[in-house]
């Protein structure tokens, strides 16, 4: 009887945490990556000029 309740509590917690991380991760990663992209291109140009 003891192992049964412990397993049930772990299962619902795992999927919930994963679902919360998925929506937050893509949104946060997409926005910061866009602005740094143009900066990287500028750095390459300066390195080539040198």
PDB file of N, CA and C in Angstrom:
ATOM      1  N   UNK A   1       0.853  -1.217   0.000  1.00  0.00           N
ATOM      2  CA  UNK A   1       0.000   0.000   0.000  1.00  0.00           C
ATOM      3  C   UNK A   1       0.878   1.253   0.000  1.00  0.00           C
ATOM      4  N   UNK A   2       1.998   1.209   0.636  1.00  0.00           N
ATOM      5  CA  UNK A   2       2.854   2.398   0.705  1.00  0.00           C
ATOM      6  C   UNK A   2       3.432   2.761  -0.674  1.00  0.00           C
ATOM      7  N   UNK A   3       4.023   1.792  -1.398  1.00  0.00           N
ATOM      8  CA  UNK A   3       4.639   2.123  -2.698  1.00  0.00           C
ATOM      9  C   UNK A   3       3.624   2.622  -3.718  1.00  0.00           C
ATOM     10  N   UNK A   4       2.387   2.159  -3.629  1.00  0.00           N
ATOM     11  CA  UNK A   4       1.379   2.580  -4.610  1.00  0.00           C
ATOM     12  C   UNK A   4       1.166   4.099  -4.594  1.00  0.00           C
ATOM     13  N   UNK A   5       0.879   4.717  -3.466  1.00  0.00           N
ATOM     14  CA  UNK A   5       0.635   6.177  -3.423  1.00  0.00           C
ATOM     15  C   UNK A   5       1.881   6.967  -3.821  1.00  0.00           C
ATOM     16  N   UNK A   6       3.038   6.499  -3.469  1.00  0.00           N
ATOM     17  CA  UNK A   6       4.263   7.239  -3.806  1.00  0.00           C
ATOM     18  C   UNK A   6       4.420   7.292  -5.329  1.00  0.00           C
ATOM     19  N   UNK A   7       4.136   6.180  -6.004  1.00  0.00           N
ATOM     20  CA  UNK A   7       4.284   6.154  -7.472  1.00  0.00           C
ATOM     21  C   UNK A   7       3.299   7.132  -8.122  1.00  0.00           C
ATOM     22  N   UNK A   8       2.069   7.149  -7.648  1.00  0.00           N
ATOM     23  CA  UNK A   8       1.055   8.026  -8.256  1.00  0.00           C
ATOM     24  C   UNK A   8       1.459   9.503  -8.084  1.00  0.00           C
ATOM     25  N   UNK A   9       1.955   9.856  -6.933  1.00  0.00           N
ATOM     26  CA  UNK A   9       2.314  11.263  -6.690  1.00  0.00           C
ATOM     27  C   UNK A   9       3.476  11.664  -7.604  1.00  0.00           C
ATOM     28  N   UNK A  10       4.416  10.786  -7.847  1.00  0.00           N
ATOM     29  CA  UNK A  10       5.573  11.124  -8.688  1.00  0.00           C
ATOM     30  C   UNK A  10       5.158  11.288 -10.149  1.00  0.00           C
ATOM     31  N   UNK A  11       4.280  10.447 -10.638  1.00  0.00           N
ATOM     32  CA  UNK A  11       3.892  10.506 -12.055  1.00  0.00           C
ATOM     33  C   UNK A  11       3.281  11.870 -12.418  1.00  0.00           C
ATOM     34  N   UNK A  12       2.264  12.341 -11.700  1.00  0.00           N
ATOM     35  CA  UNK A  12       1.634  13.623 -12.072  1.00  0.00           C
ATOM     36  C   UNK A  12       2.612  14.786 -11.947  1.00  0.00           C
ATOM     37  N   UNK A  13       3.507  14.756 -10.992  1.00  0.00           N
ATOM     38  CA  UNK A  13       4.448  15.868 -10.802  1.00  0.00           C
ATOM     39  C   UNK A  13       5.411  15.962 -11.986  1.00  0.00           C
ATOM     40  N   UNK A  14       5.896  14.833 -12.467  1.00  0.00           N
ATOM     41  CA  UNK A  14       6.875  14.843 -13.567  1.00  0.00           C
ATOM     42  C   UNK A  14       6.293  15.512 -14.824  1.00  0.00           C
ATOM     43  N   UNK A  15       5.143  15.061 -15.346  1.00  0.00           N
ATOM     44  CA  UNK A  15       4.575  15.655 -16.572  1.00  0.00           C
ATOM     45  C   UNK A  15       4.249  17.134 -16.387  1.00  0.00           C
ATOM     46  N   UNK A  16       3.767  17.513 -15.233  1.00  0.00           N
ATOM     47  CA  UNK A  16       3.402  18.924 -15.001  1.00  0.00           C
ATOM     48  C   UNK A  16       4.650  19.806 -15.107  1.00  0.00           C
ATOM     49  N   UNK A  17       5.720  19.401 -14.453  1.00  0.00           N
ATOM     50  CA  UNK A  17       6.957  20.208 -14.481  1.00  0.00           C
ATOM     51  C   UNK A  17       7.487  20.306 -15.912  1.00  0.00           C
ATOM     52  N   UNK A  18       7.428  19.204 -16.647  1.00  0.00           N
ATOM     53  CA  UNK A  18       7.932  19.204 -18.033  1.00  0.00           C
ATOM     54  C   UNK A  18       7.080  20.136 -18.888  1.00  0.00           C
ATOM     55  N   UNK A  19       5.777  20.075 -18.724  1.00  0.00           N
ATOM     56  CA  UNK A  19       4.876  20.914 -19.539  1.00  0.00           C
ATOM     57  C   UNK A  19       5.159  22.389 -19.246  1.00  0.00           C
ATOM     58  N   UNK A  20       5.391  22.733 -18.000  1.00  0.00           N
ATOM     59  CA  UNK A  20       5.655  24.144 -17.652  1.00  0.00           C
ATOM     60  C   UNK A  20       6.985  24.601 -18.271  1.00  0.00           C
ATOM     61  N   UNK A  21       7.971  23.742 -18.250  1.00  0.00           N
ATOM     62  CA  UNK A  21       9.285  24.133 -18.792  1.00  0.00           C
ATOM     63  C   UNK A  21       9.219  24.300 -20.314  1.00  0.00           C
ATOM     64  N   UNK A  22       8.464  23.455 -20.989  1.00  0.00           N
ATOM     65  CA  UNK A  22       8.415  23.513 -22.460  1.00  0.00           C
ATOM     66  C   UNK A  22       7.941  24.883 -22.964  1.00  0.00           C
ATOM     67  N   UNK A  23       6.789  25.383 -22.529  1.00  0.00           N
ATOM     68  CA  UNK A  23       6.293  26.675 -23.038  1.00  0.00           C
ATOM     69  C   UNK A  23       7.236  27.821 -22.670  1.00  0.00           C
ATOM     70  N   UNK A  24       7.794  27.800 -21.477  1.00  0.00           N
ATOM     71  CA  UNK A  24       8.679  28.895 -21.052  1.00  0.00           C
ATOM     72  C   UNK A  24       9.998  28.852 -21.831  1.00  0.00           C
ATOM     73  N   UNK A  25      10.523  27.678 -22.040  1.00  0.00           N
ATOM     74  CA  UNK A  25      11.829  27.547 -22.711  1.00  0.00           C
ATOM     75  C   UNK A  25      11.786  28.115 -24.134  1.00  0.00           C
ATOM     76  N   UNK A  26      10.879  27.659 -25.004  1.00  0.00           N
ATOM     77  CA  UNK A  26      10.870  28.132 -26.405  1.00  0.00           C
ATOM     78  C   UNK A  26      10.667  29.642 -26.493  1.00  0.00           C
ATOM     79  N   UNK A  27       9.794  30.196 -25.713  1.00  0.00           N
ATOM     80  CA  UNK A  27       9.524  31.637 -25.782  1.00  0.00           C
ATOM     81  C   UNK A  27      10.763  32.436 -25.345  1.00  0.00           C
ATOM     82  N   UNK A  28      11.358  32.039 -24.260  1.00  0.00           N
ATOM     83  CA  UNK A  28      12.510  32.789 -23.733  1.00  0.00           C
ATOM     84  C   UNK A  28      13.714  32.624 -24.665  1.00  0.00           C
ATOM     85  N   UNK A  29      13.909  31.440 -25.192  1.00  0.00           N
ATOM     86  CA  UNK A  29      15.087  31.199 -26.044  1.00  0.00           C
ATOM     87  C   UNK A  29      14.924  31.914 -27.394  1.00  0.00           C
ATOM     88  N   UNK A  30      13.728  31.907 -27.935  1.00  0.00           N
ATOM     89  CA  UNK A  30      13.523  32.522 -29.266  1.00  0.00           C
ATOM     90  C   UNK A  30      13.773  34.035 -29.211  1.00  0.00           C
ATOM     91  N   UNK A  31      13.276  34.707 -28.205  1.00  0.00           N
ATOM     92  CA  UNK A  31      13.420  36.175 -28.148  1.00  0.00           C
ATOM     93  C   UNK A  31      14.903  36.586 -27.984  1.00  0.00           C
ATOM     94  N   UNK A  32      15.634  36.034 -27.041  1.00  0.00           N
ATOM     95  CA  UNK A  32      17.039  36.450 -26.853  1.00  0.00           C
ATOM     96  C   UNK A  32      17.929  36.072 -28.028  1.00  0.00           C
ATOM     97  N   UNK A  33      17.625  34.992 -28.705  1.00  0.00           N
ATOM     98  CA  UNK A  33      18.484  34.561 -29.822  1.00  0.00           C
ATOM     99  C   UNK A  33      18.367  35.545 -30.993  1.00  0.00           C
ATOM    100  N   UNK A  34      17.195  36.101 -31.234  1.00  0.00           N
ATOM    101  CA  UNK A  34      17.021  37.000 -32.383  1.00  0.00           C
ATOM    102  C   UNK A  34      17.939  38.235 -32.298  1.00  0.00           C
ATOM    103  N   UNK A  35      17.960  38.963 -31.201  1.00  0.00           N
ATOM    104  CA  UNK A  35      18.808  40.166 -31.122  1.00  0.00           C
ATOM    105  C   UNK A  35      20.301  39.869 -31.240  1.00  0.00           C
ATOM    106  N   UNK A  36      20.815  38.818 -30.593  1.00  0.00           N
ATOM    107  CA  UNK A  36      22.251  38.513 -30.686  1.00  0.00           C
ATOM    108  C   UNK A  36      22.662  38.081 -32.086  1.00  0.00           C
ATOM    109  N   UNK A  37      21.730  37.569 -32.861  1.00  0.00           N
ATOM    110  CA  UNK A  37      22.069  37.113 -34.228  1.00  0.00           C
ATOM    111  C   UNK A  37      22.713  38.251 -35.029  1.00  0.00           C
ATOM    112  N   UNK A  38      22.097  39.420 -35.159  1.00  0.00           N
ATOM    113  CA  UNK A  38      22.699  40.524 -35.931  1.00  0.00           C
ATOM    114  C   UNK A  38      24.050  40.942 -35.350  1.00  0.00           C
ATOM    115  N   UNK A  39      24.200  40.861 -34.057  1.00  0.00           N
ATOM    116  CA  UNK A  39      25.474  41.245 -33.433  1.00  0.00           C
ATOM    117  C   UNK A  39      26.592  40.316 -33.900  1.00  0.00           C
ATOM    118  N   UNK A  40      26.297  39.027 -33.972  1.00  0.00           N
ATOM    119  CA  UNK A  40      27.327  38.057 -34.383  1.00  0.00           C
ATOM    120  C   UNK A  40      27.789  38.385 -35.805  1.00  0.00           C
ATOM    121  N   UNK A  41      26.858  38.794 -36.675  1.00  0.00           N
ATOM    122  CA  UNK A  41      27.240  39.115 -38.060  1.00  0.00           C
ATOM    123  C   UNK A  41      28.207  40.307 -38.051  1.00  0.00           C
ATOM    124  N   UNK A  42      27.951  41.288 -37.229  1.00  0.00           N
ATOM    125  CA  UNK A  42      28.836  42.460 -37.172  1.00  0.00           C
ATOM    126  C   UNK A  42      30.228  42.036 -36.702  1.00  0.00           C
ATOM    127  N   UNK A  43      30.286  41.160 -35.703  1.00  0.00           N
ATOM    128  CA  UNK A  43      31.582  40.713 -35.193  1.00  0.00           C
ATOM    129  C   UNK A  43      32.382  40.036 -36.312  1.00  0.00           C
ATOM    130  N   UNK A  44      31.718  39.225 -37.121  1.00  0.00           N
ATOM    131  CA  UNK A  44      32.419  38.520 -38.216  1.00  0.00           C
ATOM    132  C   UNK A  44      32.999  39.542 -39.187  1.00  0.00           C
ATOM    133  N   UNK A  45      32.229  40.577 -39.509  1.00  0.00           N
ATOM    134  CA  UNK A  45      32.707  41.586 -40.469  1.00  0.00           C
ATOM    135  C   UNK A  45      33.958  42.277 -39.916  1.00  0.00           C
ATOM    136  N   UNK A  46      33.918  42.649 -38.655  1.00  0.00           N
ATOM    137  CA  UNK A  46      35.071  43.337 -38.051  1.00  0.00           C
ATOM    138  C   UNK A  46      36.287  42.407 -38.066  1.00  0.00           C
ATOM    139  N   UNK A  47      36.076  41.135 -37.766  1.00  0.00           N
ATOM    140  CA  UNK A  47      37.214  40.205 -37.741  1.00  0.00           C
ATOM    141  C   UNK A  47      37.812  40.087 -39.155  1.00  0.00           C
ATOM    142  N   UNK A  48      36.968  40.055 -40.169  1.00  0.00           N
ATOM    143  CA  UNK A  48      37.474  39.935 -41.553  1.00  0.00           C
ATOM    144  C   UNK A  48      38.249  41.208 -41.940  1.00  0.00           C
ATOM    145  N   UNK A  49      37.738  42.356 -41.548  1.00  0.00           N
ATOM    146  CA  UNK A  49      38.432  43.613 -41.895  1.00  0.00           C
ATOM    147  C   UNK A  49      39.831  43.626 -41.266  1.00  0.00           C
ATOM    148  N   UNK A  50      39.915  43.128 -40.027  1.00  0.00           N
ATOM    149  CA  UNK A  50      41.225  43.109 -39.356  1.00  0.00           C
ATOM    150  C   UNK A  50      42.180  42.224 -40.172  1.00  0.00           C
TER     151      UNK A  50
END
